[in-house]
PDB file of N, CA and C in Angstrom:
ATOM      1  N   MET A   1      27.368  21.044-109.159  1.00  0.00           N
ATOM      2  CA  MET A   1      27.534  20.006-110.259  1.00  0.00           C
ATOM      3  C   MET A   1      27.597  20.718-111.772  1.00  0.00           C
ATOM      4  N   PHE A   2      27.239  20.705-112.167  1.00  0.00           N
ATOM      5  CA  PHE A   2      27.451  21.140-114.000  1.00  0.00           C
ATOM      6  C   PHE A   2      27.006  22.712-113.482  1.00  0.00           C
ATOM      7  N   SER A   3      28.201  23.386-113.826  1.00  0.00           N
ATOM      8  CA  SER A   3      27.618  25.158-114.238  1.00  0.00           C
ATOM      9  C   SER A   3      28.703  25.490-115.140  1.00  0.00           C
ATOM     10  N   ALA A   4      28.001  26.377-116.453  1.00  0.00           N
ATOM     11  CA  ALA A   4      28.586  27.075-117.634  1.00  0.00           C
ATOM     12  C   ALA A   4      29.499  27.864-117.266  1.00  0.00           C
ATOM     13  N   ARG A   5      30.248  28.088-118.338  1.00  0.00           N
ATOM     14  CA  ARG A   5      31.674  28.983-118.218  1.00  0.00           C
ATOM     15  C   ARG A   5      31.145  30.252-118.657  1.00  0.00           C
ATOM     16  N   LYS A   6      31.389  31.444-118.122  1.00  0.00           N
ATOM     17  CA  LYS A   6      31.023  32.437-118.428  1.00  0.00           C
ATOM     18  C   LYS A   6      32.331  32.937-119.630  1.00  0.00           C
ATOM     19  N   PRO A   7      31.918  33.454-120.416  1.00  0.00           N
ATOM     20  CA  PRO A   7      32.382  33.797-121.929  1.00  0.00           C
ATOM     21  C   PRO A   7      33.789  34.996-121.379  1.00  0.00           C
ATOM     22  N   ARG A   8      34.659  34.964-122.274  1.00  0.00           N
ATOM     23  CA  ARG A   8      35.884  36.040-122.492  1.00  0.00           C
ATOM     24  C   ARG A   8      34.805  36.719-122.854  1.00  0.00           C
ATOM     25  N   GLY A   9      35.031  38.572-122.126  1.00  0.00           N
ATOM     26  CA  GLY A   9      34.516  39.160-122.093  1.00  0.00           C
ATOM     27  C   GLY A   9      36.015  40.188-123.386  1.00  0.00           C
ATOM     28  N   PHE A  10      34.839  40.955-123.896  1.00  0.00           N
ATOM     29  CA  PHE A  10      35.461  41.121-125.897  1.00  0.00           C
ATOM     30  C   PHE A  10      35.515  43.250-125.360  1.00  0.00           C
ATOM     31  N   GLN A  11      37.132  43.019-125.427  1.00  0.00           N
ATOM     32  CA  GLN A  11      37.288  44.525-125.035  1.00  0.00           C
ATOM     33  C   GLN A  11      38.707  45.231-126.152  1.00  0.00           C
ATOM     34  N   HIS A  12      38.277  45.899-126.710  1.00  0.00           N
ATOM     35  CA  HIS A  12      38.523  46.108-127.977  1.00  0.00           C
ATOM     36  C   HIS A  12      39.779  47.824-127.590  1.00  0.00           C
ATOM     37  N   ASN A  13      40.948  47.933-127.884  1.00  0.00           N
ATOM     38  CA  ASN A  13      41.681  48.644-127.279  1.00  0.00           C
ATOM     39  C   ASN A  13      42.335  49.212-128.765  1.00  0.00           C
ATOM     40  N   TYR A  14      42.016  50.744-128.838  1.00  0.00           N
ATOM     41  CA  TYR A  14      42.613  51.435-130.549  1.00  0.00           C
ATOM     42  C   TYR A  14      43.960  51.406-130.744  1.00  0.00           C
ATOM     43  N   ILE A  15      44.264  51.803-131.976  1.00  0.00           N
ATOM     44  CA  ILE A  15      45.725  51.521-131.719  1.00  0.00           C
ATOM     45  C   ILE A  15      45.969  53.181-131.466  1.00  0.00           C
ATOM     46  N   TYR A  16      45.997  53.385-132.714  1.00  0.00           N
ATOM     47  CA  TYR A  16      45.994  54.888-132.855  1.00  0.00           C
ATOM     48  C   TYR A  16      45.569  56.324-132.373  1.00  0.00           C
ATOM     49  N   HIS A  17      44.792  55.881-130.920  1.00  0.00           N
ATOM     50  CA  HIS A  17      44.342  56.331-129.981  1.00  0.00           C
ATOM     51  C   HIS A  17      44.305  57.150-128.676  1.00  0.00           C
ATOM     52  N   ASP A  18      45.120  58.479-128.564  1.00  0.00           N
ATOM     53  CA  ASP A  18      45.363  59.038-127.268  1.00  0.00           C
ATOM     54  C   ASP A  18      44.618  59.523-127.089  1.00  0.00           C
ATOM     55  N   PRO A  19      44.014  59.497-125.547  1.00  0.00           N
ATOM     56  CA  PRO A  19      42.848  60.071-125.188  1.00  0.00           C
ATOM     57  C   PRO A  19      43.891  61.509-124.679  1.00  0.00           C
ATOM     58  N   ARG A  20      44.732  61.312-124.255  1.00  0.00           N
ATOM     59  CA  ARG A  20      45.386  62.449-124.020  1.00  0.00           C
ATOM     60  C   ARG A  20      45.711  63.572-124.740  1.00  0.00           C
ATOM     61  N   LYS A  21      45.929  63.125-125.761  1.00  0.00           N
ATOM     62  CA  LYS A  21      46.238  64.382-126.741  1.00  0.00           C
ATOM     63  C   LYS A  21      45.045  64.740-127.725  1.00  0.00           C
ATOM     64  N   GLU A  22      44.175  64.414-127.053  1.00  0.00           N
ATOM     65  CA  GLU A  22      42.472  64.639-127.438  1.00  0.00           C
ATOM     66  C   GLU A  22      42.254  65.329-126.413  1.00  0.00           C
ATOM     67  N   LYS A  23      42.552  64.868-125.647  1.00  0.00           N
ATOM     68  CA  LYS A  23      41.535  65.918-124.008  1.00  0.00           C
ATOM     69  C   LYS A  23      42.413  66.965-124.058  1.00  0.00           C
ATOM     70  N   LEU A  24      43.983  67.275-124.619  1.00  0.00           N
ATOM     71  CA  LEU A  24      44.105  68.316-124.519  1.00  0.00           C
ATOM     72  C   LEU A  24      43.677  69.269-125.751  1.00  0.00           C
ATOM     73  N   LYS A  25      44.288  68.735-126.879  1.00  0.00           N
ATOM     74  CA  LYS A  25      43.118  69.167-127.975  1.00  0.00           C
ATOM     75  C   LYS A  25      41.594  70.053-127.381  1.00  0.00           C
ATOM     76  N   GLU A  26      40.684  69.560-127.040  1.00  0.00           N
ATOM     77  CA  GLU A  26      39.267  70.285-126.066  1.00  0.00           C
ATOM     78  C   GLU A  26      39.906  71.152-125.529  1.00  0.00           C
ATOM     79  N   ILE A  27      40.824  71.130-124.931  1.00  0.00           N
ATOM     80  CA  ILE A  27      41.069  72.045-123.532  1.00  0.00           C
ATOM     81  C   ILE A  27      41.227  73.744-124.338  1.00  0.00           C
ATOM     82  N   GLU A  28      42.818  73.277-125.789  1.00  0.00           N
ATOM     83  CA  GLU A  28      42.985  74.179-126.703  1.00  0.00           C
ATOM     84  C   GLU A  28      41.778  74.863-127.344  1.00  0.00           C
ATOM     85  N   GLU A  29      41.385  74.255-127.863  1.00  0.00           N
ATOM     86  CA  GLU A  29      40.329  74.877-128.705  1.00  0.00           C
ATOM     87  C   GLU A  29      39.055  75.418-127.261  1.00  0.00           C
ATOM     88  N   LYS A  30      39.023  75.278-126.682  1.00  0.00           N
ATOM     89  CA  LYS A  30      37.591  75.737-125.818  1.00  0.00           C
ATOM     90  C   LYS A  30      38.095  76.934-125.654  1.00  0.00           C
ATOM     91  N   ALA A  31      39.381  76.750-125.044  1.00  0.00           N
ATOM     92  CA  ALA A  31      40.146  78.851-124.172  1.00  0.00           C
ATOM     93  C   ALA A  31      40.947  79.663-126.104  1.00  0.00           C
ATOM     94  N   LYS A  32      40.703  79.201-126.958  1.00  0.00           N
ATOM     95  CA  LYS A  32      40.332  79.831-127.809  1.00  0.00           C
ATOM     96  C   LYS A  32      39.567  80.543-128.553  1.00  0.00           C
ATOM     97  N   ARG A  33      37.864  79.133-128.636  1.00  0.00           N
ATOM     98  CA  ARG A  33      36.758  80.110-128.519  1.00  0.00           C
ATOM     99  C   ARG A  33      36.900  81.212-127.115  1.00  0.00           C
ATOM    100  N   GLU A  34      37.132  80.760-126.328  1.00  0.00           N
ATOM    101  CA  GLU A  34      36.994  81.738-125.142  1.00  0.00           C
ATOM    102  C   GLU A  34      37.766  83.063-125.496  1.00  0.00           C
ATOM    103  N   LEU A  35      38.921  83.262-125.882  1.00  0.00           N
ATOM    104  CA  LEU A  35      39.324  84.502-126.625  1.00  0.00           C
ATOM    105  C   LEU A  35      38.748  84.772-127.835  1.00  0.00           C
ATOM    106  N   GLY A  36      38.165  84.238-128.606  1.00  0.00           N
ATOM    107  CA  GLY A  36      37.506  84.696-129.435  1.00  0.00           C
ATOM    108  C   GLY A  36      38.076  84.115-130.725  1.00  0.00           C
ATOM    109  N   LEU A  37      39.148  83.657-130.802  1.00  0.00           N
ATOM    110  CA  LEU A  37      39.927  83.364-131.894  1.00  0.00           C
ATOM    111  C   LEU A  37      39.432  82.457-133.268  1.00  0.00           C
ATOM    112  N   LEU A  38      38.080  81.875-132.139  1.00  0.00           N
ATOM    113  CA  LEU A  38      37.419  81.034-133.560  1.00  0.00           C
ATOM    114  C   LEU A  38      35.901  81.304-133.150  1.00  0.00           C
ATOM    115  N   PRO A  39      34.660  80.539-134.076  1.00  0.00           N
ATOM    116  CA  PRO A  39      33.912  81.258-133.667  1.00  0.00           C
ATOM    117  C   PRO A  39      32.880  80.518-133.300  1.00  0.00           C
ATOM    118  N   PRO A  40      32.372  80.627-131.815  1.00  0.00           N
ATOM    119  CA  PRO A  40      31.350  80.059-131.500  1.00  0.00           C
ATOM    120  C   PRO A  40      30.880  78.484-132.089  1.00  0.00           C
ATOM    121  N   LYS A  41      30.858  77.417-131.007  1.00  0.00           N
ATOM    122  CA  LYS A  41      30.444  76.007-131.202  1.00  0.00           C
ATOM    123  C   LYS A  41      29.021  76.384-130.938  1.00  0.00           C
ATOM    124  N   ASP A  42      29.135  74.960-132.001  1.00  0.00           N
ATOM    125  CA  ASP A  42      26.627  75.233-132.080  1.00  0.00           C
ATOM    126  C   ASP A  42      26.620  74.099-131.692  1.00  0.00           C
ATOM    127  N   PHE A  43      25.586  74.120-130.226  1.00  0.00           N
ATOM    128  CA  PHE A  43      25.066  73.346-129.616  1.00  0.00           C
ATOM    129  C   PHE A  43      24.695  71.920-129.815  1.00  0.00           C
ATOM    130  N   THR A  44      24.957  70.758-129.447  1.00  0.00           N
ATOM    131  CA  THR A  44      25.487  69.921-129.736  1.00  0.00           C
ATOM    132  C   THR A  44      25.098  69.039-128.105  1.00  0.00           C
ATOM    133  N   PRO A  45      23.465  68.020-128.430  1.00  0.00           N
ATOM    134  CA  PRO A  45      23.828  67.285-127.498  1.00  0.00           C
ATOM    135  C   PRO A  45      24.417  66.605-126.621  1.00  0.00           C
ATOM    136  N   GLU A  46      25.403  66.900-126.900  1.00  0.00           N
ATOM    137  CA  GLU A  46      27.106  65.339-126.415  1.00  0.00           C
ATOM    138  C   GLU A  46      27.801  66.142-124.683  1.00  0.00           C
ATOM    139  N   ASP A  47      27.761  67.940-125.468  1.00  0.00           N
ATOM    140  CA  ASP A  47      28.048  68.423-125.325  1.00  0.00           C
ATOM    141  C   ASP A  47      27.937  68.421-123.201  1.00  0.00           C
ATOM    142  N   LEU A  48      26.367  68.087-123.090  1.00  0.00           N
ATOM    143  CA  LEU A  48      25.903  68.108-121.485  1.00  0.00           C
ATOM    144  C   LEU A  48      25.802  66.867-121.212  1.00  0.00           C
ATOM    145  N   ARG A  49      26.372  65.760-122.103  1.00  0.00           N
ATOM    146  CA  ARG A  49      26.021  64.976-121.296  1.00  0.00           C
ATOM    147  C   ARG A  49      27.060  63.983-120.243  1.00  0.00           C
ATOM    148  N   GLY A  50      26.901  63.548-118.969  1.00  0.00           N
ATOM    149  CA  GLY A  50      27.847  63.466-118.000  1.00  0.00           C
ATOM    150  C   GLY A  50      28.389  64.650-116.791  1.00  0.00           C
ATOM    151  N   LYS A  51      27.251  65.610-117.593  1.00  0.00           N
ATOM    152  CA  LYS A  51      27.572  67.047-116.774  1.00  0.00           C
ATOM    153  C   LYS A  51      26.563  67.349-114.986  1.00  0.00           C
ATOM    154  N   PHE A  52      25.825  66.166-115.020  1.00  0.00           N
ATOM    155  CA  PHE A  52      25.121  66.521-113.561  1.00  0.00           C
ATOM    156  C   PHE A  52      25.792  65.459-113.170  1.00  0.00           C
ATOM    157  N   VAL A  53      26.560  64.254-113.359  1.00  0.00           N
ATOM    158  CA  VAL A  53      27.037  63.162-112.784  1.00  0.00           C
ATOM    159  C   VAL A  53      28.609  64.129-111.809  1.00  0.00           C
ATOM    160  N   GLN A  54      28.717  64.968-112.969  1.00  0.00           N
ATOM    161  CA  GLN A  54      29.900  65.492-112.467  1.00  0.00           C
ATOM    162  C   GLN A  54      30.020  66.881-111.326  1.00  0.00           C
ATOM    163  N   ALA A  55      28.463  66.702-111.563  1.00  0.00           N
ATOM    164  CA  ALA A  55      28.470  67.995-110.933  1.00  0.00           C
ATOM    165  C   ALA A  55      27.953  67.869-109.635  1.00  0.00           C
ATOM    166  N   THR A  56      27.251  66.503-108.791  1.00  0.00           N
ATOM    167  CA  THR A  56      26.650  65.578-107.987  1.00  0.00           C
ATOM    168  C   THR A  56      28.220  64.497-107.766  1.00  0.00           C
ATOM    169  N   LYS A  57      28.169  65.379-105.984  1.00  0.00           N
ATOM    170  CA  LYS A  57      28.663  64.316-104.984  1.00  0.00           C
ATOM    171  C   LYS A  57      28.334  62.718-104.662  1.00  0.00           C
ATOM    172  N   TYR A  58      27.403  62.711-104.543  1.00  0.00           N
ATOM    173  CA  TYR A  58      26.509  61.745-104.234  1.00  0.00           C
ATOM    174  C   TYR A  58      25.500  61.019-105.755  1.00  0.00           C
ATOM    175  N   VAL A  59      25.976  61.368-106.563  1.00  0.00           N
ATOM    176  CA  VAL A  59      25.358  61.064-107.513  1.00  0.00           C
ATOM    177  C   VAL A  59      26.864  59.776-107.911  1.00  0.00           C
ATOM    178  N   LYS A  60      28.051  60.434-108.296  1.00  0.00           N
ATOM    179  CA  LYS A  60      29.283  60.923-108.619  1.00  0.00           C
ATOM    180  C   LYS A  60      29.770  59.294-108.007  1.00  0.00           C
ATOM    181  N   ARG A  61      29.433  59.324-106.830  1.00  0.00           N
ATOM    182  CA  ARG A  61      29.833  58.843-105.665  1.00  0.00           C
ATOM    183  C   ARG A  61      29.637  56.813-106.411  1.00  0.00           C
ATOM    184  N   ARG A  62      27.599  56.667-106.298  1.00  0.00           N
ATOM    185  CA  ARG A  62      26.673  55.797-106.263  1.00  0.00           C
ATOM    186  C   ARG A  62      27.230  55.567-107.757  1.00  0.00           C
ATOM    187  N   LYS A  63      27.465  56.141-108.860  1.00  0.00           N
ATOM    188  CA  LYS A  63      27.916  55.638-110.290  1.00  0.00           C
ATOM    189  C   LYS A  63      29.441  54.944-110.336  1.00  0.00           C
ATOM    190  N   GLU A  64      29.857  55.288-109.557  1.00  0.00           N
ATOM    191  CA  GLU A  64      31.550  54.977-109.629  1.00  0.00           C
ATOM    192  C   GLU A  64      31.473  53.026-109.362  1.00  0.00           C
ATOM    193  N   SER A  65      30.885  53.525-107.411  1.00  0.00           N
ATOM    194  CA  SER A  65      30.673  52.215-106.790  1.00  0.00           C
ATOM    195  C   SER A  65      29.895  51.087-107.696  1.00  0.00           C
ATOM    196  N   GLY A  66      29.064  51.736-108.716  1.00  0.00           N
ATOM    197  CA  GLY A  66      28.225  50.759-109.535  1.00  0.00           C
ATOM    198  C   GLY A  66      27.101  49.596-109.244  1.00  0.00           C
ATOM    199  N   LYS A  67      26.506  50.244-107.718  1.00  0.00           N
ATOM    200  CA  LYS A  67      25.664  49.627-107.076  1.00  0.00           C
ATOM    201  C   LYS A  67      24.221  50.072-107.449  1.00  0.00           C
ATOM    202  N   LYS A  68      23.617  49.587-107.405  1.00  0.00           N
ATOM    203  CA  LYS A  68      22.167  50.455-108.057  1.00  0.00           C
ATOM    204  C   LYS A  68      21.425  50.354-107.129  1.00  0.00           C
ATOM    205  N   PRO A  69      20.213  51.189-106.945  1.00  0.00           N
ATOM    206  CA  PRO A  69      19.311  51.507-105.249  1.00  0.00           C
ATOM    207  C   PRO A  69      18.453  50.951-105.606  1.00  0.00           C
ATOM    208  N   VAL A  70      18.287  50.311-104.480  1.00  0.00           N
ATOM    209  CA  VAL A  70      16.959  49.554-104.524  1.00  0.00           C
ATOM    210  C   VAL A  70      15.712  50.812-104.772  1.00  0.00           C
ATOM    211  N   SER A  71      14.979  50.332-105.763  1.00  0.00           N
ATOM    212  CA  SER A  71      13.741  50.648-106.216  1.00  0.00           C
ATOM    213  C   SER A  71      12.480  50.573-105.256  1.00  0.00           C
ATOM    214  N   TYR A  72      11.758  52.065-105.218  1.00  0.00           N
ATOM    215  CA  TYR A  72      10.518  51.871-104.420  1.00  0.00           C
ATOM    216  C   TYR A  72      10.001  50.558-104.902  1.00  0.00           C
ATOM    217  N   GLY A  73       9.142  50.502-105.832  1.00  0.00           N
ATOM    218  CA  GLY A  73       8.284  49.052-105.620  1.00  0.00           C
ATOM    219  C   GLY A  73       9.004  48.079-105.573  1.00  0.00           C
ATOM    220  N   ILE A  74       9.972  47.249-105.480  1.00  0.00           N
ATOM    221  CA  ILE A  74      11.095  46.663-104.990  1.00  0.00           C
ATOM    222  C   ILE A  74      10.147  46.582-103.356  1.00  0.00           C
ATOM    223  N   LEU A  75      10.917  48.054-102.493  1.00  0.00           N
ATOM    224  CA  LEU A  75      10.274  48.320-101.315  1.00  0.00           C
ATOM    225  C   LEU A  75       9.103  48.120-100.750  1.00  0.00           C
ATOM    226  N   ILE A  76       8.272  48.191-101.694  1.00  0.00           N
ATOM    227  CA  ILE A  76       6.956  48.125-101.126  1.00  0.00           C
ATOM    228  C   ILE A  76       6.213  46.980-100.855  1.00  0.00           C
ATOM    229  N   VAL A  77       6.858  45.593-102.309  1.00  0.00           N
ATOM    230  CA  VAL A  77       6.518  44.697-102.520  1.00  0.00           C
ATOM    231  C   VAL A  77       6.929  43.985-100.985  1.00  0.00           C
ATOM    232  N   ILE A  78       8.151  43.704-100.401  1.00  0.00           N
ATOM    233  CA  ILE A  78       8.630  43.696 -99.254  1.00  0.00           C
ATOM    234  C   ILE A  78       8.127  44.104 -98.150  1.00  0.00           C
ATOM    235  N   ILE A  79       7.991  45.188 -97.951  1.00  0.00           N
ATOM    236  CA  ILE A  79       6.934  46.063 -96.957  1.00  0.00           C
ATOM    237  C   ILE A  79       5.523  44.813 -96.563  1.00  0.00           C
ATOM    238  N   VAL A  80       4.736  44.633 -98.264  1.00  0.00           N
ATOM    239  CA  VAL A  80       3.601  43.824 -98.194  1.00  0.00           C
ATOM    240  C   VAL A  80       3.952  42.727 -97.642  1.00  0.00           C
ATOM    241  N   LEU A  81       4.881  41.813 -98.535  1.00  0.00           N
ATOM    242  CA  LEU A  81       5.049  41.099 -98.062  1.00  0.00           C
ATOM    243  C   LEU A  81       5.564  40.091 -96.242  1.00  0.00           C
ATOM    244  N   MET A  82       5.744  41.156 -95.308  1.00  0.00           N
ATOM    245  CA  MET A  82       6.143  41.527 -95.141  1.00  0.00           C
ATOM    246  C   MET A  82       4.719  41.525 -93.684  1.00  0.00           C
ATOM    247  N   LEU A  83       4.278  42.873 -94.076  1.00  0.00           N
ATOM    248  CA  LEU A  83       2.499  42.479 -92.959  1.00  0.00           C
ATOM    249  C   LEU A  83       1.596  41.853 -93.548  1.00  0.00           C
ATOM    250  N   LEU A  84       2.052  41.170 -94.575  1.00  0.00           N
ATOM    251  CA  LEU A  84       1.059  39.681 -94.651  1.00  0.00           C
ATOM    252  C   LEU A  84       1.746  38.511 -93.373  1.00  0.00           C
ATOM    253  N   LEU A  85       2.605  38.132 -93.687  1.00  0.00           N
ATOM    254  CA  LEU A  85       3.649  37.638 -93.274  1.00  0.00           C
ATOM    255  C   LEU A  85       3.370  37.538 -91.530  1.00  0.00           C
ATOM    256  N   MET A  86       3.182  39.142 -90.945  1.00  0.00           N
ATOM    257  CA  MET A  86       3.031  39.022 -89.307  1.00  0.00           C
ATOM    258  C   MET A  86       1.080  38.678 -89.303  1.00  0.00           C
ATOM    259  N   ARG A  87       0.704  39.495 -90.173  1.00  0.00           N
ATOM    260  CA  ARG A  87      -0.365  38.924 -89.679  1.00  0.00           C
ATOM    261  C   ARG A  87      -0.817  37.799 -90.094  1.00  0.00           C
ATOM    262  N   TRP A  88      -0.615  36.824 -90.373  1.00  0.00           N
ATOM    263  CA  TRP A  88      -0.868  35.175 -91.039  1.00  0.00           C
ATOM    264  C   TRP A  88      -0.298  34.506 -89.709  1.00  0.00           C
ATOM    265  N   ILE A  89       0.854  35.427 -88.940  1.00  0.00           N
ATOM    266  CA  ILE A  89       2.034  34.347 -87.844  1.00  0.00           C
ATOM    267  C   ILE A  89       0.634  34.810 -86.229  1.00  0.00           C
ATOM    268  N   VAL A  90       0.470  35.975 -85.927  1.00  0.00           N
ATOM    269  CA  VAL A  90      -0.267  36.144 -85.437  1.00  0.00           C
ATOM    270  C   VAL A  90      -2.110  35.736 -85.382  1.00  0.00           C
ATOM    271  N   ALA A  91      -2.602  35.241 -86.309  1.00  0.00           N
ATOM    272  CA  ALA A  91      -3.794  34.929 -86.559  1.00  0.00           C
ATOM    273  C   ALA A  91      -3.354  33.342 -86.693  1.00  0.00           C
ATOM    274  N   GLY A  92      -1.908  32.725 -87.077  1.00  0.00           N
ATOM    275  CA  GLY A  92      -2.413  31.474 -87.325  1.00  0.00           C
ATOM    276  C   GLY A  92      -2.919  31.636 -85.855  1.00  0.00           C
TER     277      GLY A  92
END
């Protein structure tokens, strides 16, 4: 009968941002560091972000699909409820 309208999503597109150019710059910088033309880069936690997901196939697929796995707590609650229902039906 009554339904609330879903608000319009916000999407901000950068005007002066070229992801391809930025990626090429990172590859170029990495190659120069490997050749010894630039000093080694200091460690930052951002360098590790997303590396595990890229390295494993199943995690990458699950992340791309957007589905969230069912937690063990929810499974335990469902099993307990099923057992209680079965006991109630048999005893009834």
